Each structure stands twice: as structure tokens, then as C-alpha cells.
Protein backbone atom coordinates (compact mmCIF):
# COMPACT_ATOMS: atom_id res chain seq x y z
CA MET A 1 2.96 0.86 3.38
CA SER A 2 3.44 -1.56 0.49
CA ILE A 3 0.84 -4.02 -0.72
CA PRO A 4 1.27 -7.41 0.98
CA ALA A 5 2.62 -9.82 -1.63
CA LEU A 6 1.94 -13.53 -1.52
CA ASN A 7 5.55 -14.48 -2.09
CA ASN A 8 5.39 -18.20 -2.81
CA THR A 9 5.60 -17.70 -6.57
CA GLY A 10 6.85 -21.23 -7.25
CA VAL A 11 8.89 -22.47 -10.15
CA VAL A 12 5.85 -22.89 -12.43
CA TYR A 13 5.19 -19.11 -12.42
CA ARG A 14 8.87 -18.20 -12.84
CA ARG A 15 9.15 -20.58 -15.82
CA ILE A 16 6.08 -19.05 -17.47
CA LEU A 17 7.26 -15.46 -16.86
CA SER A 18 10.64 -16.29 -18.39
CA GLN A 19 8.91 -16.90 -21.75
CA PHE A 20 8.05 -13.18 -22.06
CA PRO A 21 9.92 -9.87 -22.51
CA GLN A 22 11.00 -8.87 -19.01
CA ASP A 23 10.12 -5.15 -18.98
CA PHE A 24 7.36 -5.47 -16.35
CA SER A 25 6.50 -2.80 -13.79
CA LEU A 26 4.10 -5.35 -12.23
CA ALA A 27 3.16 -8.97 -12.93
CA PHE A 28 0.57 -10.99 -11.04
CA ALA A 29 -1.41 -14.20 -11.37
CA TYR A 30 -5.02 -14.56 -10.25
CA GLY A 31 -8.13 -16.71 -10.51
CA SER A 32 -9.17 -20.29 -9.86
CA GLY A 33 -5.93 -21.74 -11.26
CA VAL A 34 -3.95 -19.87 -8.58
CA PHE A 35 -6.18 -19.76 -5.47
CA LYS A 36 -8.35 -22.62 -4.30
CA GLN A 37 -12.04 -21.84 -4.63
CA GLN A 38 -14.92 -23.65 -2.99
CA GLY A 39 -16.03 -26.62 -5.06
CA THR A 40 -12.59 -27.01 -6.70
CA ASP A 41 -10.10 -29.66 -5.57
CA GLN A 42 -6.31 -29.51 -5.98
CA GLY A 43 -6.42 -31.82 -9.02
CA GLN A 44 -8.89 -29.52 -10.80
CA MET A 45 -6.79 -26.45 -9.92
CA GLY A 46 -3.87 -27.98 -11.82
CA LYS A 47 -6.03 -28.20 -14.94
CA ASN A 48 -7.56 -24.70 -14.71
CA MET A 49 -6.28 -21.94 -16.96
CA LEU A 50 -3.74 -19.64 -15.28
CA ASP A 51 -4.61 -15.94 -15.54
CA PHE A 52 -1.95 -13.22 -15.58
CA VAL A 53 -1.79 -9.43 -15.85
CA PHE A 54 1.43 -7.73 -16.97
CA ALA A 55 1.85 -3.97 -16.50
CA VAL A 56 4.47 -2.44 -18.81
CA ASP A 57 5.84 1.10 -19.11
CA ASP A 58 6.02 1.07 -22.92
CA PRO A 59 3.36 -1.15 -24.56
CA VAL A 60 4.61 -0.60 -28.15
CA THR A 61 8.13 -1.80 -27.29
CA TRP A 62 6.79 -4.69 -25.21
CA HIS A 63 4.46 -5.94 -27.96
CA THR A 64 7.29 -5.52 -30.52
CA MET A 65 9.48 -7.88 -28.49
CA ASN A 66 6.61 -10.24 -27.67
CA LEU A 67 5.65 -10.53 -31.35
CA LEU A 68 9.23 -11.65 -32.03
CA GLN A 69 9.19 -14.17 -29.15
CA ASN A 70 5.56 -15.31 -29.11
CA ARG A 71 3.92 -14.41 -32.43
CA LYS A 72 1.54 -17.40 -32.23
CA HIS A 73 -0.09 -16.00 -29.09
CA TYR A 74 -1.77 -13.23 -31.11
CA SER A 75 -4.89 -13.27 -33.26
CA ILE A 76 -4.96 -11.93 -36.83
CA LEU A 77 -4.27 -8.48 -35.32
CA LYS A 78 -0.57 -9.46 -35.32
CA LEU A 79 -0.55 -8.63 -39.05
CA LEU A 80 -1.23 -4.98 -38.17
CA GLY A 81 1.92 -4.70 -36.04
CA PRO A 82 2.78 -3.56 -32.50
CA THR A 83 1.68 0.09 -32.85
CA THR A 84 -1.86 -0.90 -33.85
CA ILE A 85 -1.98 -3.61 -31.16
CA SER A 86 -0.98 -0.99 -28.55
CA SER A 87 -3.65 1.42 -29.88
CA VAL A 88 -6.28 -1.32 -29.57
CA GLN A 89 -4.97 -1.97 -26.04
CA ASN A 90 -5.04 1.66 -24.87
CA ASP A 91 -7.99 3.18 -26.75
CA TYR A 92 -10.76 0.58 -26.35
CA GLY A 93 -12.42 -1.29 -23.48
CA ALA A 94 -10.49 -1.24 -20.21
CA SER A 95 -7.02 -0.50 -21.71
CA VAL A 96 -6.00 -4.17 -21.41
CA TYR A 97 -4.91 -6.42 -24.30
CA TYR A 98 -5.59 -10.11 -23.64
CA ASN A 99 -4.12 -13.14 -25.35
CA THR A 100 -6.09 -16.20 -24.25
CA LEU A 101 -5.92 -20.02 -24.40
CA VAL A 102 -2.15 -19.85 -24.87
CA PRO A 103 -0.13 -23.04 -24.21
CA VAL A 104 3.02 -22.19 -22.19
CA ASP A 105 5.26 -24.71 -20.45
CA GLY A 106 2.59 -27.41 -20.21
CA ARG A 107 -0.19 -25.09 -18.94
CA ILE A 108 -2.92 -23.11 -20.68
CA ILE A 109 -2.73 -19.44 -19.79
CA LYS A 110 -4.45 -16.12 -20.47
CA TYR A 111 -2.49 -12.89 -20.08
CA GLY A 112 -3.52 -9.25 -20.18
CA VAL A 113 -1.13 -6.40 -20.92
CA ILE A 114 -1.80 -2.90 -19.56
CA GLY A 115 0.29 0.27 -19.62
CA THR A 116 1.65 1.29 -16.20
CA GLU A 117 0.06 4.76 -16.39
CA CYS A 118 -3.33 3.28 -17.40
CA LEU A 119 -3.09 0.88 -14.44
CA ILE A 120 -2.27 3.70 -11.99
CA ASP A 121 -5.22 5.70 -13.37
CA ASP A 122 -7.59 2.76 -12.83
CA LEU A 123 -6.26 2.06 -9.33
CA MET A 124 -6.53 5.71 -8.23
CA HIS A 125 -9.77 6.75 -9.95
CA TRP A 126 -11.64 3.51 -10.83
CA LYS A 127 -11.94 4.67 -14.43
CA THR A 128 -12.97 1.14 -15.52
CA MET A 129 -12.46 -0.93 -12.30
CA TYR A 130 -11.27 -3.73 -14.60
CA VAL A 131 -7.77 -4.41 -13.26
CA ALA A 132 -8.41 -2.40 -10.08
CA GLY A 133 -11.27 -4.81 -9.30
CA ARG A 134 -9.06 -7.85 -9.75
CA LEU A 135 -6.62 -6.30 -7.29
CA HIS A 136 -9.34 -5.92 -4.62
CA LYS A 137 -9.03 -9.69 -4.22
CA PRO A 138 -5.94 -11.72 -3.28
CA VAL A 139 -3.53 -12.17 -6.18
CA LYS A 140 -0.15 -13.81 -6.45
CA MET A 141 2.37 -10.98 -6.93
CA LEU A 142 5.15 -12.29 -9.15
CA LEU A 143 7.14 -9.14 -9.84
CA GLN A 144 6.93 -5.51 -8.80
CA ASN A 145 9.47 -2.80 -9.58
CA GLU A 146 10.35 0.21 -7.44
CA ASN A 147 7.76 2.58 -8.98
CA GLY A 148 6.62 4.56 -5.90
CA LYS A 149 3.58 5.99 -7.71
CA LEU A 150 2.39 2.48 -8.59
CA ARG A 151 2.95 1.19 -5.04
CA ALA A 152 0.92 4.09 -3.59
CA ALA A 153 -1.86 3.48 -6.14
CA LEU A 154 -2.09 -0.22 -5.18
CA VAL A 155 -2.65 0.71 -1.54
CA ALA A 156 -5.10 3.53 -2.46
CA ASN A 157 -7.16 1.01 -4.45
CA LEU A 158 -7.51 -1.29 -1.41
CA LYS A 159 -8.51 1.65 0.80
CA SER A 160 -11.14 2.69 -1.76
CA ALA A 161 -12.56 -0.86 -1.80
CA VAL A 162 -12.91 -0.76 2.00
CA THR A 163 -14.53 2.71 1.96
CA ALA A 164 -17.06 1.81 -0.76
CA SER A 165 -17.93 -1.42 1.07
CA PHE A 166 -18.46 0.42 4.38
CA LEU A 167 -21.08 2.60 2.66
CA MET A 168 -22.98 -0.48 1.47
CA LEU A 169 -22.86 -2.45 4.73
CA PRO A 170 -24.89 -1.99 7.95
CA GLU A 171 -23.41 -0.44 11.10
CA SER A 172 -22.22 -3.82 12.45
CA PHE A 173 -20.91 -6.73 10.35
CA THR A 174 -18.38 -9.57 10.19
CA GLU A 175 -15.06 -9.84 8.39
CA GLU A 176 -16.68 -12.32 6.00
CA ASP A 177 -19.47 -9.82 5.22
CA LEU A 178 -16.84 -7.19 4.42
CA PHE A 179 -14.73 -9.48 2.25
CA MET A 180 -17.83 -10.70 0.38
CA GLN A 181 -18.77 -7.07 -0.29
CA ILE A 182 -15.24 -6.20 -1.45
CA ALA A 183 -14.94 -9.28 -3.68
CA GLY A 184 -18.31 -8.48 -5.25
CA LEU A 185 -17.51 -4.84 -6.17
CA SER A 186 -16.03 -5.64 -9.57
CA TYR A 187 -18.90 -8.01 -10.47
CA ALA A 188 -21.67 -5.45 -9.76
CA GLY A 189 -23.16 -4.61 -13.16
CA ASP A 190 -20.94 -7.10 -15.03
CA PHE A 191 -23.14 -8.54 -17.79
CA ARG A 192 -21.09 -11.77 -17.68
CA MET A 193 -22.60 -12.52 -14.26
CA VAL A 194 -25.97 -12.84 -16.04
CA ILE A 195 -24.61 -15.28 -18.60
CA GLY A 196 -21.18 -16.88 -18.59
CA GLU A 197 -20.09 -16.80 -14.94
CA ASP A 198 -20.86 -19.09 -12.01
CA LYS A 199 -23.40 -17.15 -9.89
CA SER A 200 -21.78 -18.28 -6.63
CA LYS A 201 -18.41 -16.96 -7.84
CA VAL A 202 -18.03 -14.31 -5.10
CA ALA A 203 -18.72 -16.76 -2.25
CA ASN A 204 -16.39 -19.32 -3.89
CA ILE A 205 -13.58 -16.73 -3.95
CA VAL A 206 -14.00 -15.60 -0.33
CA ILE A 207 -14.86 -18.72 1.69
CA ASP A 208 -11.63 -20.64 1.08
CA ASN A 209 -9.43 -17.52 1.09
CA ILE A 210 -10.41 -15.59 4.23
CA GLN A 211 -6.82 -15.68 5.47
CA HIS A 212 -5.53 -14.18 2.20
CA PHE A 213 -8.11 -11.37 2.48
CA ARG A 214 -6.95 -10.71 6.07
CA ILE A 215 -3.32 -10.41 4.89
CA LEU A 216 -4.45 -7.88 2.29
CA TYR A 217 -6.75 -5.73 4.46
CA SER A 218 -5.91 -6.09 8.19
CA ASN A 219 -3.45 -3.15 8.33
CA ILE A 220 -5.84 -0.86 6.47
CA LEU A 221 -8.72 -1.80 8.82
CA ARG A 222 -6.56 -1.30 11.92
CA ASP A 223 -5.44 2.16 10.74
CA CYS A 224 -8.88 3.36 9.58
CA PRO A 225 -10.44 5.94 11.96
CA GLN A 226 -13.93 5.21 10.58
CA VAL A 227 -14.18 1.68 11.95
CA VAL A 228 -13.84 -0.32 15.18
CA TYR A 229 -12.08 -3.53 14.11
CA LYS A 230 -12.26 -6.38 16.62
CA SER A 231 -9.87 -8.69 14.80
CA GLN A 232 -9.99 -11.49 17.41
CA GLN A 233 -13.77 -11.80 17.05
CA GLY A 234 -13.79 -10.98 13.33
CA GLN A 235 -16.33 -8.19 14.00
CA LEU A 236 -16.46 -4.60 12.73
CA GLU A 237 -18.51 -1.49 13.54
CA VAL A 238 -18.53 1.46 11.15
CA ASP A 239 -19.66 5.09 11.54
CA LYS A 240 -23.05 5.36 9.76
CA SER A 241 -23.80 8.94 10.85
CA PRO A 242 -24.37 11.44 7.98
CA GLU A 243 -21.03 13.06 8.94
CA GLY A 244 -19.25 9.67 8.81
CA GLN A 245 -20.83 8.76 5.47
CA PHE A 246 -19.93 12.17 4.02
CA ILE A 247 -16.25 11.64 4.93
CA GLN A 248 -16.40 8.19 3.25
CA LEU A 249 -18.12 9.56 0.12
CA MET A 250 -15.50 12.31 -0.19
CA ALA A 251 -12.75 9.65 -0.03
CA LEU A 252 -14.19 7.60 -2.93
CA PRO A 253 -12.34 7.46 -6.28
CA ARG A 254 -13.09 10.35 -8.65
CA THR A 255 -14.95 8.36 -11.33
CA LEU A 256 -17.30 6.84 -8.76
CA GLN A 257 -18.03 10.29 -7.30
CA GLN A 258 -18.86 11.50 -10.82
CA ARG A 259 -21.20 8.54 -11.45
CA ILE A 260 -22.98 9.15 -8.13
CA THR A 261 -23.33 12.85 -9.01
CA LYS A 262 -24.85 11.94 -12.38
CA LEU A 263 -27.36 9.59 -10.70
CA VAL A 264 -28.49 12.09 -8.08
CA ASP A 265 -28.23 15.54 -9.68
CA PRO A 266 -31.01 16.44 -12.16
CA PRO A 267 -29.74 17.52 -15.61
CA GLY A 268 -29.01 21.23 -15.84
CA LYS A 269 -28.71 21.84 -12.09
CA ASN A 270 -24.89 21.66 -12.07
CA ARG A 271 -24.32 21.65 -8.32
CA ASP A 272 -20.79 20.96 -7.13
CA VAL A 273 -19.75 17.43 -6.15
CA GLU A 274 -19.35 18.24 -2.44
CA GLU A 275 -22.92 19.57 -2.19
CA ILE A 276 -24.36 16.48 -3.91
CA LEU A 277 -22.35 14.04 -1.77
CA LEU A 278 -23.53 15.86 1.37
CA GLN A 279 -27.11 15.19 0.21
CA VAL A 280 -26.32 11.51 -0.49
CA ALA A 281 -24.70 11.11 2.96
CA GLN A 282 -28.04 11.98 4.57
CA ASP A 283 -30.07 9.66 2.32
CA PRO A 284 -31.21 6.34 3.91
CA ASP A 285 -30.51 4.78 0.47
CA CYS A 286 -26.90 6.03 0.42
CA GLY A 287 -25.50 2.48 0.06
CA ALA A 288 -27.81 1.70 -2.88
CA VAL A 289 -26.70 4.90 -4.68
CA VAL A 290 -23.02 3.90 -4.25
CA GLN A 291 -23.88 0.39 -5.54
CA GLN A 292 -25.57 1.89 -8.63
CA GLY A 293 -22.55 4.10 -9.29
CA ILE A 294 -20.18 1.12 -9.14
CA SER A 295 -22.50 -0.97 -11.35
CA SER A 296 -22.51 1.74 -14.02
CA ILE A 297 -18.67 1.76 -14.18
CA VAL A 298 -18.38 -2.06 -14.28
CA LYS A 299 -21.21 -2.54 -16.81
CA THR A 300 -19.58 -0.20 -19.35
CA SER A 301 -16.06 -1.66 -19.06
CA SER A 302 -17.20 -5.32 -18.99
CA ILE A 303 -19.20 -4.91 -22.23
CA THR A 304 -16.57 -2.89 -24.14
CA GLN A 305 -13.68 -5.13 -22.98
CA SER A 306 -15.59 -8.29 -23.98
CA ILE A 307 -16.31 -6.90 -27.45
CA LYS A 308 -12.61 -6.03 -27.78
CA GLY A 309 -11.79 -9.58 -26.64
CA ILE A 310 -13.37 -11.02 -29.81
CA ALA A 311 -10.79 -9.13 -31.90
CA THR A 312 -7.79 -9.79 -29.64
CA ALA A 313 -8.53 -13.49 -29.08
CA GLY A 314 -9.95 -14.33 -32.51
CA LEU A 315 -13.37 -15.91 -33.12
CA TRP A 316 -12.42 -19.57 -32.51
CA LYS A 317 -10.73 -18.84 -29.17
CA THR A 318 -13.64 -16.59 -28.13
CA VAL A 319 -16.18 -19.38 -28.78
CA SER A 320 -13.95 -21.94 -27.01
CA TYR A 321 -13.34 -19.68 -23.98
CA SER A 322 -17.03 -18.71 -23.70
CA SER A 323 -18.19 -22.33 -23.84
CA LYS A 324 -15.82 -23.21 -20.96
CA LYS A 325 -17.27 -20.31 -18.91
CA LEU A 326 -20.84 -21.48 -19.63
CA MET A 327 -19.94 -25.03 -18.58
CA LYS A 328 -18.48 -23.67 -15.32
CA MET A 329 -21.68 -21.66 -14.75
CA TRP A 330 -23.79 -24.80 -15.33
CA LYS A 331 -21.69 -26.82 -12.86
CA GLY A 332 -22.00 -24.05 -10.25
CA TRP A 333 -25.77 -23.98 -10.72
CA ARG A 334 -25.98 -27.77 -10.29
CA ARG A 335 -23.89 -27.61 -7.07
CA LYS A 336 -26.36 -25.19 -5.44
CA PRO A 337 -28.62 -26.92 -2.91
CA SER A 338 -32.32 -26.68 -3.66
CA VAL A 339 -34.75 -25.04 -1.23
CA SER A 340 -36.05 -28.46 -0.16
CA GLN A 341 -32.51 -29.63 0.64
CA MET A 342 -31.85 -26.51 2.72
CA SER A 343 -35.05 -26.70 4.78
């Protein structure tokens, strides 16, 4: 099974991609400039920054070529050359190197570069959940090569998102509940949700894009033996028995299992993972433990990647980008109905 691609890439994306070295294993666009979000009209979408992620097999070679083609995109780090840029990319934060507030073909864009192997690692094991989390939500796939390992990892990441969400939801729930839970996974523990992001971001992503979420997840839900999926009614029922939860916990990505183990197992006890997960499966607070484990992964990567962003974007762009985020957060807060309006 291959990941469902939203194929209407449009000339605007092809023109932007053509400005870069073409050695991509995967390229996708995401965010409010690509998908309509609640509270944003079509005119505003055309003004929003376009966000991209490029996966490349050889980051040093790719940055070498990109420095020749697009030197102005880089901060002062360009003076240190492609090898150092690739080291900064791979060794710090979430293994992504972002250039932001870049004017390309009449639009302002931000693009992140990640090594293919680092991406596969994140998709399979949720090492940082940084790019894996973006791929839990609908994205516009622009280019994907024939790397079978990468294709399998993309599907595994979606299955993991479903499994983790099942553990945090009640026995019976709606499609919208599930998609809200999935969309929120990569924001759990993200310090930017405290300051710098619109608090209603998750609902804004899901409400206007239910159909895109269905395209992404319907096959996985239909094939999953752990759930009864009534697609016509948009209702789901999941196995919440200790045995069912144990199977789900054992299917979680490795890093998340390790974080859960660390939360539950007292220091020095050193029980094996299977024994600890069996204990968690029988705990009424199982979902909360999974949530804490996810939050601990996201918190670490969101802080370290944001610190790295100051170096890769440069101070002026960082201040400019952050102020735009704060303005968006303020607008989202003002759009929220007050308690008196709701009653």
C-alpha cells in the first residue's frame, strides 16, 4: 500500500520546485498556504507563506548545489560551507535544516531539508516526531521516488498515529474525534503552543479538511483488526480490553515505547519493555501515560529545533517569523467566542 498522494500539484508548486537541485527522494508542501483552514479565506491563503519539506539522499551534495543556485536563501552559516551546514542539519534538533522567509517566484516560502535515512528513522521510530508529525496530517505530495523503504515508512507512520490515538480515545468515538487526536499528536508538549501558535490550530486543520484525512486513513482503518469502522456513519469502536491495549502498546514506535518505559519503571528496576507495557495496558490511565510519552518526545525536539532555527534563519528572519506567528495567535484568540456568546 502506498501513501495516498494529493496529486493536484499545480503549476505554482512545479515552478517553485524547479528553482532547486532536483535530487529529492520526497518533496511535499504543507500548512495554511496549501490547505484551507477554518477562519482563512482563499484570498488570505494566497498570501500565506508556503511550507515545504525536501528529503534528499545526500545532504552535503544537495546543499553544495543549492548554495550555487540559491546562496541568498542561507543565513551567515553559508560562509561555513555545505559540510558544516549538513552537520548542523543532521546533528542538532530534529535533523532538519530550514531556510525561511525566502522569496521564490512571487511567493514567500519556508523549506526544510532532511536526509532520507533520518526521515525514515523518524517515520518508523518517532525519534523526534518533527517531520513524522507533519505527515500525520494531509500534505500535498509533490514528488516521491521509488524508494521502497521510504514508502513503507510513510505508511507505518500513519498506522502508528492511528494506534497511539486509539489508546488515548474512549471505546466509542467519531471520525472527527480520531482526526482531531491524530492532528494534535505532534503539538502535544510543543512549547510553541504556549506562545507563538494559534491555540485553535488543531481544530482549524481538521474541520475544513475531513475529506483529506479520510483519503489518508480510510484504508488503514478498514484493514485494522482492532477497530470496528462504520464509515457511512463516521463512527468507530476500538478494543479497550487490557489484551487489546497491550497489542496496541506493542505496536507503538520504539522511541515512544522507551519514553513510556522511563515514565512507568522506577530507576534501577530494569524490567523489560514487554513487562512494563503489560502493566500499562491494565492501567485505567493508560491513555494519559501514552500522551505523556508523546509530549516528552515533542517537547525536546520542538525546543532544540527552534534554537537551531535562530542560527539557520538568522536573527532578523527569526524575529520577523516569530512576530508573524504571534500575530496569528492573537487573531485566533480574538476569533474565539466568549463564554457569554456561547451560552
